[in-house]
C-alpha atoms as a PDB file:
ATOM      1  CA  MET A   1      -3.517  -1.149  -8.447  1.00  0.00           C
ATOM      2  CA  LEU A   2      -0.393   0.620  -6.980  1.00  0.00           C
ATOM      3  CA  TYR A   3      -2.864   4.351  -7.365  1.00  0.00           C
ATOM      4  CA  TRP A   4      -4.949   2.306  -4.684  1.00  0.00           C
ATOM      5  CA  THR A   5      -2.277   1.496  -2.621  1.00  0.00           C
ATOM      6  CA  PHE A   6      -1.232   5.235  -2.733  1.00  0.00           C
ATOM      7  CA  VAL A   7      -5.086   6.344  -2.276  1.00  0.00           C
ATOM      8  CA  PHE A   8      -5.131   4.496   1.302  1.00  0.00           C
ATOM      9  CA  LEU A   9      -1.653   5.587   1.997  1.00  0.00           C
ATOM     10  CA  VAL A  10      -2.853   9.265   1.861  1.00  0.00           C
ATOM     11  CA  VAL A  11      -6.016   7.748   3.842  1.00  0.00           C
ATOM     12  CA  ALA A  12      -4.000   6.638   7.068  1.00  0.00           C
ATOM     13  CA  ILE A  13      -1.437   9.497   6.765  1.00  0.00           C
ATOM     14  CA  VAL A  14      -4.930  11.873   6.726  1.00  0.00           C
ATOM     15  CA  ALA A  15      -6.907   9.843   9.711  1.00  0.00           C
ATOM     16  CA  ALA A  16      -3.384   9.843  11.687  1.00  0.00           C
ATOM     17  CA  ILE A  17      -3.088  13.360  11.582  1.00  0.00           C
ATOM     18  CA  PHE A  18      -6.567  13.910  12.549  1.00  0.00           C
ATOM     19  CA  GLY A  19      -6.375  11.205  15.413  1.00  0.00           C
ATOM     20  CA  PHE A  20      -8.178   8.353  14.309  1.00  0.00           C
ATOM     21  CA  GLY A  21      -6.429   4.955  15.447  1.00  0.00           C
ATOM     22  CA  GLY A  22      -8.703   2.092  14.137  1.00  0.00           C
ATOM     23  CA  LEU A  23      -8.495   3.881  10.826  1.00  0.00           C
ATOM     24  CA  VAL A  24      -5.277   4.680  10.553  1.00  0.00           C
ATOM     25  CA  SER A  25      -4.713   1.056  11.137  1.00  0.00           C
ATOM     26  CA  ALA A  26      -7.323  -0.124   8.726  1.00  0.00           C
ATOM     27  CA  ALA A  27      -5.981   2.166   5.978  1.00  0.00           C
ATOM     28  CA  ALA A  28      -2.173   1.334   6.449  1.00  0.00           C
ATOM     29  CA  GLY A  29      -3.233  -2.698   6.342  1.00  0.00           C
ATOM     30  CA  ILE A  30      -4.704  -2.385   3.164  1.00  0.00           C
ATOM     31  CA  ALA A  31      -2.309  -0.094   1.518  1.00  0.00           C
ATOM     32  CA  LYS A  32       0.154  -2.477   2.677  1.00  0.00           C
ATOM     33  CA  ILE A  33      -1.925  -5.521   1.427  1.00  0.00           C
ATOM     34  CA  LEU A  34      -2.175  -3.848  -2.405  1.00  0.00           C
ATOM     35  CA  PHE A  35       1.827  -2.659  -2.236  1.00  0.00           C
ATOM     36  CA  PHE A  36       2.727  -6.257  -2.012  1.00  0.00           C
ATOM     37  CA  VAL A  37       0.147  -7.383  -4.484  1.00  0.00           C
ATOM     38  CA  PHE A  38       0.846  -5.649  -7.048  1.00  0.00           C
ATOM     39  CA  LEU A  39       4.864  -6.001  -6.579  1.00  0.00           C
ATOM     40  CA  ILE A  40       4.479  -9.928  -6.900  1.00  0.00           C
ATOM     41  CA  LEU A  41       2.172  -9.143 -10.117  1.00  0.00           C
ATOM     42  CA  PHE A  42       4.881  -6.964 -11.205  1.00  0.00           C
ATOM     43  CA  ILE A  43       7.438  -9.621 -10.970  1.00  0.00           C
ATOM     44  CA  VAL A  44       5.442 -11.840 -12.359  1.00  0.00           C
ATOM     45  CA  SER A  45       4.699  -9.907 -15.811  1.00  0.00           C
ATOM     46  CA  LEU A  46       8.385  -8.737 -15.928  1.00  0.00           C
ATOM     47  CA  ILE A  47       9.263 -12.884 -16.205  1.00  0.00           C
ATOM     48  CA  THR A  48       6.544 -13.833 -18.576  1.00  0.00           C
ATOM     49  CA  GLY A  49       7.414 -11.133 -20.326  1.00  0.00           C
ATOM     50  CA  ARG A  50      10.690 -11.747 -20.702  1.00  0.00           C
ATOM     51  CA  ARG A  51      10.164 -15.985 -22.051  1.00  0.00           C
ATOM     52  CA  ASN A  52       7.810 -14.713 -24.436  1.00  0.00           C
ATOM     53  CA  ARG A  53      10.567 -12.147 -26.515  1.00  0.00           C
ATOM     54  CA  VAL A  54      12.984 -15.436 -26.638  1.00  0.00           C
END
């Protein structure tokens, strides 16, 4: 999932260089959403991983 976040971030940067405003905002928005989903899933997996070891 983090891989896709970076892919959309790169797409947003490349689109910004070429001046595609609508595509930049869409790709950046998708990258932001994917990053927060990854962050939430990562935190949940850390919590559940610690609970199983005890």
